[in-house]
């Protein structure tokens, strides 16, 4: 059974697009729906993490489109 917080979370999900970074990041990871809780997104990829930051650019034609996050750096997983 879904509680009130479940429906709020589902309604808050938006389309996002991750740009830049390694070319072999799957398209299903680059384009998806997610609840945005921060200006940065970190995804695990190969032996590290790819870091993306929310872009402040908006669509000029009025179409909201996906929220764009641009690649900013890679970090390695500590062993």
PDB file of N, CA and C in Angstrom:
ATOM      1  N   UNK A   1       0.841  -1.181   0.000  1.00  0.00           N
ATOM      2  CA  UNK A   1       0.000   0.000   0.000  1.00  0.00           C
ATOM      3  C   UNK A   1       0.883   1.239   0.000  1.00  0.00           C
ATOM      4  N   UNK A   2       0.589   2.166  -0.864  1.00  0.00           N
ATOM      5  CA  UNK A   2       1.364   3.398  -0.951  1.00  0.00           C
ATOM      6  C   UNK A   2       0.908   4.373   0.113  1.00  0.00           C
ATOM      7  N   UNK A   3       1.885   4.954   0.820  1.00  0.00           N
ATOM      8  CA  UNK A   3       1.584   5.989   1.800  1.00  0.00           C
ATOM      9  C   UNK A   3       1.671   7.344   1.141  1.00  0.00           C
ATOM     10  N   UNK A   4       1.335   8.403   1.864  1.00  0.00           N
ATOM     11  CA  UNK A   4       1.380   9.755   1.311  1.00  0.00           C
ATOM     12  C   UNK A   4       2.751  10.134   0.780  1.00  0.00           C
ATOM     13  N   UNK A   5       3.819   9.713   1.463  1.00  0.00           N
ATOM     14  CA  UNK A   5       5.154  10.093   1.008  1.00  0.00           C
ATOM     15  C   UNK A   5       5.502   9.406  -0.305  1.00  0.00           C
ATOM     16  N   UNK A   6       4.957   8.197  -0.558  1.00  0.00           N
ATOM     17  CA  UNK A   6       5.219   7.504  -1.813  1.00  0.00           C
ATOM     18  C   UNK A   6       4.673   8.277  -3.000  1.00  0.00           C
ATOM     19  N   UNK A   7       3.458   8.807  -2.889  1.00  0.00           N
ATOM     20  CA  UNK A   7       2.866   9.540  -4.005  1.00  0.00           C
ATOM     21  C   UNK A   7       3.558  10.880  -4.215  1.00  0.00           C
ATOM     22  N   UNK A   8       3.999  11.515  -3.140  1.00  0.00           N
ATOM     23  CA  UNK A   8       4.727  12.777  -3.272  1.00  0.00           C
ATOM     24  C   UNK A   8       6.040  12.532  -3.991  1.00  0.00           C
ATOM     25  N   UNK A   9       6.752  11.472  -3.605  1.00  0.00           N
ATOM     26  CA  UNK A   9       8.019  11.148  -4.245  1.00  0.00           C
ATOM     27  C   UNK A   9       7.809  10.848  -5.719  1.00  0.00           C
ATOM     28  N   UNK A  10       6.799  10.052  -6.052  1.00  0.00           N
ATOM     29  CA  UNK A  10       6.525   9.708  -7.445  1.00  0.00           C
ATOM     30  C   UNK A  10       6.190  10.962  -8.252  1.00  0.00           C
ATOM     31  N   UNK A  11       5.386  11.851  -7.697  1.00  0.00           N
ATOM     32  CA  UNK A  11       5.001  13.067  -8.406  1.00  0.00           C
ATOM     33  C   UNK A  11       6.178  14.015  -8.593  1.00  0.00           C
ATOM     34  N   UNK A  12       7.188  13.946  -7.721  1.00  0.00           N
ATOM     35  CA  UNK A  12       8.332  14.854  -7.784  1.00  0.00           C
ATOM     36  C   UNK A  12       9.386  14.396  -8.787  1.00  0.00           C
ATOM     37  N   UNK A  13       9.246  13.199  -9.335  1.00  0.00           N
ATOM     38  CA  UNK A  13      10.224  12.697 -10.298  1.00  0.00           C
ATOM     39  C   UNK A  13      10.142  13.496 -11.595  1.00  0.00           C
ATOM     40  N   UNK A  14      11.312  13.794 -12.153  1.00  0.00           N
ATOM     41  CA  UNK A  14      11.400  14.536 -13.413  1.00  0.00           C
ATOM     42  C   UNK A  14      12.334  13.789 -14.361  1.00  0.00           C
ATOM     43  N   UNK A  15      12.236  14.109 -15.645  1.00  0.00           N
ATOM     44  CA  UNK A  15      13.163  13.549 -16.622  1.00  0.00           C
ATOM     45  C   UNK A  15      14.507  14.237 -16.453  1.00  0.00           C
ATOM     46  N   UNK A  16      15.588  13.447 -16.435  1.00  0.00           N
ATOM     47  CA  UNK A  16      16.923  14.025 -16.362  1.00  0.00           C
ATOM     48  C   UNK A  16      17.763  13.506 -17.520  1.00  0.00           C
ATOM     49  N   UNK A  17      18.783  14.269 -17.879  1.00  0.00           N
ATOM     50  CA  UNK A  17      19.722  13.904 -18.935  1.00  0.00           C
ATOM     51  C   UNK A  17      21.122  14.183 -18.426  1.00  0.00           C
ATOM     52  N   UNK A  18      21.981  13.153 -18.427  1.00  0.00           N
ATOM     53  CA  UNK A  18      23.375  13.305 -18.027  1.00  0.00           C
ATOM     54  C   UNK A  18      24.211  13.491 -19.285  1.00  0.00           C
ATOM     55  N   UNK A  19      24.969  14.589 -19.372  1.00  0.00           N
ATOM     56  CA  UNK A  19      25.784  14.857 -20.556  1.00  0.00           C
ATOM     57  C   UNK A  19      27.263  14.848 -20.190  1.00  0.00           C
ATOM     58  N   UNK A  20      28.092  14.461 -21.149  1.00  0.00           N
ATOM     59  CA  UNK A  20      29.533  14.416 -20.942  1.00  0.00           C
ATOM     60  C   UNK A  20      29.947  13.144 -20.232  1.00  0.00           C
ATOM     61  N   UNK A  21      31.210  13.098 -19.826  1.00  0.00           N
ATOM     62  CA  UNK A  21      31.732  11.914 -19.155  1.00  0.00           C
ATOM     63  C   UNK A  21      32.064  10.816 -20.143  1.00  0.00           C
ATOM     64  N   UNK A  22      32.328   9.613 -19.645  1.00  0.00           N
ATOM     65  CA  UNK A  22      32.706   8.499 -20.507  1.00  0.00           C
ATOM     66  C   UNK A  22      31.618   8.165 -21.531  1.00  0.00           C
ATOM     67  N   UNK A  23      32.047   7.863 -22.735  1.00  0.00           N
ATOM     68  CA  UNK A  23      31.106   7.558 -23.819  1.00  0.00           C
ATOM     69  C   UNK A  23      30.363   6.245 -23.591  1.00  0.00           C
ATOM     70  N   UNK A  24      30.916   5.352 -22.759  1.00  0.00           N
ATOM     71  CA  UNK A  24      30.280   4.045 -22.577  1.00  0.00           C
ATOM     72  C   UNK A  24      29.258   3.994 -21.438  1.00  0.00           C
ATOM     73  N   UNK A  25      28.872   5.141 -20.908  1.00  0.00           N
ATOM     74  CA  UNK A  25      27.769   5.151 -19.937  1.00  0.00           C
ATOM     75  C   UNK A  25      26.496   4.816 -20.714  1.00  0.00           C
ATOM     76  N   UNK A  26      25.755   3.788 -20.298  1.00  0.00           N
ATOM     77  CA  UNK A  26      24.564   3.372 -21.048  1.00  0.00           C
ATOM     78  C   UNK A  26      23.514   4.483 -21.169  1.00  0.00           C
ATOM     79  N   UNK A  27      22.810   4.478 -22.277  1.00  0.00           N
ATOM     80  CA  UNK A  27      21.758   5.471 -22.533  1.00  0.00           C
ATOM     81  C   UNK A  27      20.669   5.407 -21.464  1.00  0.00           C
ATOM     82  N   UNK A  28      20.407   4.210 -20.939  1.00  0.00           N
ATOM     83  CA  UNK A  28      19.385   4.070 -19.891  1.00  0.00           C
ATOM     84  C   UNK A  28      19.805   4.754 -18.594  1.00  0.00           C
ATOM     85  N   UNK A  29      21.092   4.938 -18.391  1.00  0.00           N
ATOM     86  CA  UNK A  29      21.592   5.662 -17.222  1.00  0.00           C
ATOM     87  C   UNK A  29      21.576   7.160 -17.502  1.00  0.00           C
ATOM     88  N   UNK A  30      21.901   7.530 -18.737  1.00  0.00           N
ATOM     89  CA  UNK A  30      21.961   8.954 -19.107  1.00  0.00           C
ATOM     90  C   UNK A  30      20.588   9.622 -19.139  1.00  0.00           C
ATOM     91  N   UNK A  31      19.562   8.895 -19.549  1.00  0.00           N
ATOM     92  CA  UNK A  31      18.205   9.457 -19.659  1.00  0.00           C
ATOM     93  C   UNK A  31      17.270   8.627 -18.793  1.00  0.00           C
ATOM     94  N   UNK A  32      16.704   9.250 -17.760  1.00  0.00           N
ATOM     95  CA  UNK A  32      15.812   8.528 -16.847  1.00  0.00           C
ATOM     96  C   UNK A  32      14.970   9.508 -16.048  1.00  0.00           C
ATOM     97  N   UNK A  33      14.050   8.971 -15.261  1.00  0.00           N
ATOM     98  CA  UNK A  33      13.244   9.790 -14.337  1.00  0.00           C
ATOM     99  C   UNK A  33      13.829   9.611 -12.953  1.00  0.00           C
ATOM    100  N   UNK A  34      13.934  10.722 -12.248  1.00  0.00           N
ATOM    101  CA  UNK A  34      14.524  10.676 -10.914  1.00  0.00           C
ATOM    102  C   UNK A  34      14.012  11.854 -10.094  1.00  0.00           C
ATOM    103  N   UNK A  35      13.962  11.669  -8.800  1.00  0.00           N
ATOM    104  CA  UNK A  35      13.640  12.760  -7.882  1.00  0.00           C
ATOM    105  C   UNK A  35      14.943  13.502  -7.612  1.00  0.00           C
ATOM    106  N   UNK A  36      14.963  14.798  -7.889  1.00  0.00           N
ATOM    107  CA  UNK A  36      16.172  15.597  -7.692  1.00  0.00           C
ATOM    108  C   UNK A  36      16.189  16.104  -6.256  1.00  0.00           C
ATOM    109  N   UNK A  37      17.233  15.726  -5.533  1.00  0.00           N
ATOM    110  CA  UNK A  37      17.367  16.161  -4.142  1.00  0.00           C
ATOM    111  C   UNK A  37      18.596  17.040  -3.932  1.00  0.00           C
ATOM    112  N   UNK A  38      19.406  17.204  -4.974  1.00  0.00           N
ATOM    113  CA  UNK A  38      20.643  17.969  -4.851  1.00  0.00           C
ATOM    114  C   UNK A  38      21.024  18.496  -6.232  1.00  0.00           C
ATOM    115  N   UNK A  39      21.985  19.404  -6.282  1.00  0.00           N
ATOM    116  CA  UNK A  39      22.479  19.927  -7.564  1.00  0.00           C
ATOM    117  C   UNK A  39      23.452  18.958  -8.223  1.00  0.00           C
ATOM    118  N   UNK A  40      23.845  17.907  -7.501  1.00  0.00           N
ATOM    119  CA  UNK A  40      24.822  16.965  -8.041  1.00  0.00           C
ATOM    120  C   UNK A  40      24.273  15.549  -8.012  1.00  0.00           C
ATOM    121  N   UNK A  41      24.700  14.768  -9.008  1.00  0.00           N
ATOM    122  CA  UNK A  41      24.349  13.354  -9.093  1.00  0.00           C
ATOM    123  C   UNK A  41      25.654  12.587  -9.236  1.00  0.00           C
ATOM    124  N   UNK A  42      25.765  11.473  -8.514  1.00  0.00           N
ATOM    125  CA  UNK A  42      26.951  10.623  -8.595  1.00  0.00           C
ATOM    126  C   UNK A  42      26.487   9.238  -9.018  1.00  0.00           C
ATOM    127  N   UNK A  43      27.094   8.700 -10.084  1.00  0.00           N
ATOM    128  CA  UNK A  43      26.749   7.349 -10.522  1.00  0.00           C
ATOM    129  C   UNK A  43      27.995   6.473 -10.484  1.00  0.00           C
ATOM    130  N   UNK A  44      27.803   5.224 -10.121  1.00  0.00           N
ATOM    131  CA  UNK A  44      28.915   4.270 -10.129  1.00  0.00           C
ATOM    132  C   UNK A  44      29.131   3.822 -11.565  1.00  0.00           C
ATOM    133  N   UNK A  45      30.393   3.850 -11.985  1.00  0.00           N
ATOM    134  CA  UNK A  45      30.722   3.445 -13.353  1.00  0.00           C
ATOM    135  C   UNK A  45      32.132   2.875 -13.357  1.00  0.00           C
ATOM    136  N   UNK A  46      32.255   1.661 -13.883  1.00  0.00           N
ATOM    137  CA  UNK A  46      33.530   0.947 -13.866  1.00  0.00           C
ATOM    138  C   UNK A  46      34.085   0.923 -12.438  1.00  0.00           C
ATOM    139  N   UNK A  47      35.314   1.335 -12.211  1.00  0.00           N
ATOM    140  CA  UNK A  47      35.917   1.258 -10.868  1.00  0.00           C
ATOM    141  C   UNK A  47      35.892   2.613 -10.171  1.00  0.00           C
ATOM    142  N   UNK A  48      34.839   3.372 -10.412  1.00  0.00           N
ATOM    143  CA  UNK A  48      34.777   4.694  -9.792  1.00  0.00           C
ATOM    144  C   UNK A  48      33.389   5.288  -9.847  1.00  0.00           C
ATOM    145  N   UNK A  49      33.345   6.589  -9.650  1.00  0.00           N
ATOM    146  CA  UNK A  49      32.090   7.333  -9.694  1.00  0.00           C
ATOM    147  C   UNK A  49      32.232   8.490 -10.673  1.00  0.00           C
ATOM    148  N   UNK A  50      31.192   8.708 -11.460  1.00  0.00           N
ATOM    149  CA  UNK A  50      31.125   9.864 -12.354  1.00  0.00           C
ATOM    150  C   UNK A  50      30.222  10.882 -11.673  1.00  0.00           C
ATOM    151  N   UNK A  51      30.675  12.127 -11.624  1.00  0.00           N
ATOM    152  CA  UNK A  51      29.949  13.193 -10.939  1.00  0.00           C
ATOM    153  C   UNK A  51      29.384  14.172 -11.965  1.00  0.00           C
ATOM    154  N   UNK A  52      28.123  14.507 -11.802  1.00  0.00           N
ATOM    155  CA  UNK A  52      27.422  15.428 -12.691  1.00  0.00           C
ATOM    156  C   UNK A  52      26.810  16.544 -11.856  1.00  0.00           C
ATOM    157  N   UNK A  53      26.782  17.751 -12.420  1.00  0.00           N
ATOM    158  CA  UNK A  53      26.209  18.903 -11.734  1.00  0.00           C
ATOM    159  C   UNK A  53      25.090  19.491 -12.584  1.00  0.00           C
ATOM    160  N   UNK A  54      24.032  19.915 -11.919  1.00  0.00           N
ATOM    161  CA  UNK A  54      22.863  20.470 -12.609  1.00  0.00           C
ATOM    162  C   UNK A  54      23.247  21.721 -13.387  1.00  0.00           C
ATOM    163  N   UNK A  55      22.824  21.765 -14.642  1.00  0.00           N
ATOM    164  CA  UNK A  55      23.065  22.925 -15.497  1.00  0.00           C
ATOM    165  C   UNK A  55      21.980  23.960 -15.236  1.00  0.00           C
ATOM    166  N   UNK A  56      22.348  25.223 -15.270  1.00  0.00           N
ATOM    167  CA  UNK A  56      21.375  26.293 -15.035  1.00  0.00           C
ATOM    168  C   UNK A  56      20.708  26.779 -16.312  1.00  0.00           C
ATOM    169  N   UNK A  57      21.080  26.207 -17.452  1.00  0.00           N
ATOM    170  CA  UNK A  57      20.484  26.654 -18.712  1.00  0.00           C
ATOM    171  C   UNK A  57      19.060  26.139 -18.827  1.00  0.00           C
ATOM    172  N   UNK A  58      18.197  26.950 -19.402  1.00  0.00           N
ATOM    173  CA  UNK A  58      16.802  26.563 -19.614  1.00  0.00           C
ATOM    174  C   UNK A  58      16.492  26.589 -21.098  1.00  0.00           C
ATOM    175  N   UNK A  59      15.465  25.873 -21.475  1.00  0.00           N
ATOM    176  CA  UNK A  59      15.044  25.823 -22.865  1.00  0.00           C
ATOM    177  C   UNK A  59      14.585  27.196 -23.338  1.00  0.00           C
ATOM    178  N   UNK A  60      14.958  27.557 -24.553  1.00  0.00           N
ATOM    179  CA  UNK A  60      14.556  28.854 -25.108  1.00  0.00           C
ATOM    180  C   UNK A  60      13.187  28.814 -25.774  1.00  0.00           C
ATOM    181  N   UNK A  61      12.741  27.622 -26.159  1.00  0.00           N
ATOM    182  CA  UNK A  61      11.468  27.532 -26.877  1.00  0.00           C
ATOM    183  C   UNK A  61      10.278  27.268 -25.959  1.00  0.00           C
ATOM    184  N   UNK A  62      10.493  27.299 -24.661  1.00  0.00           N
ATOM    185  CA  UNK A  62       9.394  27.101 -23.718  1.00  0.00           C
ATOM    186  C   UNK A  62       9.149  25.650 -23.354  1.00  0.00           C
ATOM    187  N   UNK A  63       9.749  24.715 -24.095  1.00  0.00           N
ATOM    188  CA  UNK A  63       9.599  23.297 -23.789  1.00  0.00           C
ATOM    189  C   UNK A  63      10.487  22.978 -22.592  1.00  0.00           C
ATOM    190  N   UNK A  64       9.912  22.515 -21.481  1.00  0.00           N
ATOM    191  CA  UNK A  64      10.745  22.287 -20.303  1.00  0.00           C
ATOM    192  C   UNK A  64      11.816  21.216 -20.528  1.00  0.00           C
ATOM    193  N   UNK A  65      11.498  20.162 -21.275  1.00  0.00           N
ATOM    194  CA  UNK A  65      12.475  19.119 -21.554  1.00  0.00           C
ATOM    195  C   UNK A  65      13.061  18.534 -20.279  1.00  0.00           C
ATOM    196  N   UNK A  66      14.093  17.678 -20.428  1.00  0.00           N
ATOM    197  CA  UNK A  66      14.704  17.087 -19.238  1.00  0.00           C
ATOM    198  C   UNK A  66      15.591  18.092 -18.506  1.00  0.00           C
ATOM    199  N   UNK A  67      15.805  17.840 -17.226  1.00  0.00           N
ATOM    200  CA  UNK A  67      16.760  18.626 -16.446  1.00  0.00           C
ATOM    201  C   UNK A  67      18.146  18.092 -16.812  1.00  0.00           C
ATOM    202  N   UNK A  68      19.039  18.983 -17.239  1.00  0.00           N
ATOM    203  CA  UNK A  68      20.357  18.574 -17.726  1.00  0.00           C
ATOM    204  C   UNK A  68      21.387  18.650 -16.604  1.00  0.00           C
ATOM    205  N   UNK A  69      22.148  17.566 -16.473  1.00  0.00           N
ATOM    206  CA  UNK A  69      23.281  17.509 -15.556  1.00  0.00           C
ATOM    207  C   UNK A  69      24.533  17.295 -16.395  1.00  0.00           C
ATOM    208  N   UNK A  70      25.552  18.117 -16.192  1.00  0.00           N
ATOM    209  CA  UNK A  70      26.798  18.036 -16.953  1.00  0.00           C
ATOM    210  C   UNK A  70      27.887  17.363 -16.117  1.00  0.00           C
ATOM    211  N   UNK A  71      28.684  16.526 -16.791  1.00  0.00           N
ATOM    212  CA  UNK A  71      29.777  15.817 -16.134  1.00  0.00           C
ATOM    213  C   UNK A  71      30.811  16.814 -15.625  1.00  0.00           C
ATOM    214  N   UNK A  72      31.281  16.637 -14.384  1.00  0.00           N
ATOM    215  CA  UNK A  72      32.294  17.542 -13.834  1.00  0.00           C
ATOM    216  C   UNK A  72      33.574  16.830 -13.409  1.00  0.00           C
ATOM    217  N   UNK A  73      33.497  15.557 -13.012  1.00  0.00           N
ATOM    218  CA  UNK A  73      34.721  14.856 -12.613  1.00  0.00           C
ATOM    219  C   UNK A  73      34.454  13.385 -12.357  1.00  0.00           C
ATOM    220  N   UNK A  74      35.552  12.662 -12.202  1.00  0.00           N
ATOM    221  CA  UNK A  74      35.513  11.242 -11.870  1.00  0.00           C
ATOM    222  C   UNK A  74      36.321  11.033 -10.599  1.00  0.00           C
ATOM    223  N   UNK A  75      35.833  10.165  -9.728  1.00  0.00           N
ATOM    224  CA  UNK A  75      36.607   9.772  -8.554  1.00  0.00           C
ATOM    225  C   UNK A  75      36.712   8.254  -8.532  1.00  0.00           C
ATOM    226  N   UNK A  76      37.786   7.750  -7.945  1.00  0.00           N
ATOM    227  CA  UNK A  76      37.998   6.308  -7.837  1.00  0.00           C
ATOM    228  C   UNK A  76      37.405   5.792  -6.537  1.00  0.00           C
ATOM    229  N   UNK A  77      37.045   4.523  -6.550  1.00  0.00           N
ATOM    230  CA  UNK A  77      36.540   3.881  -5.342  1.00  0.00           C
ATOM    231  C   UNK A  77      37.741   3.536  -4.472  1.00  0.00           C
ATOM    232  N   UNK A  78      37.715   3.947  -3.220  1.00  0.00           N
ATOM    233  CA  UNK A  78      38.810   3.658  -2.293  1.00  0.00           C
ATOM    234  C   UNK A  78      38.833   2.170  -1.968  1.00  0.00           C
ATOM    235  N   UNK A  79      40.027   1.626  -1.903  1.00  0.00           N
ATOM    236  CA  UNK A  79      40.155   0.197  -1.581  1.00  0.00           C
ATOM    237  C   UNK A  79      40.619   0.001  -0.175  1.00  0.00           C
TER     238      UNK A  79
END
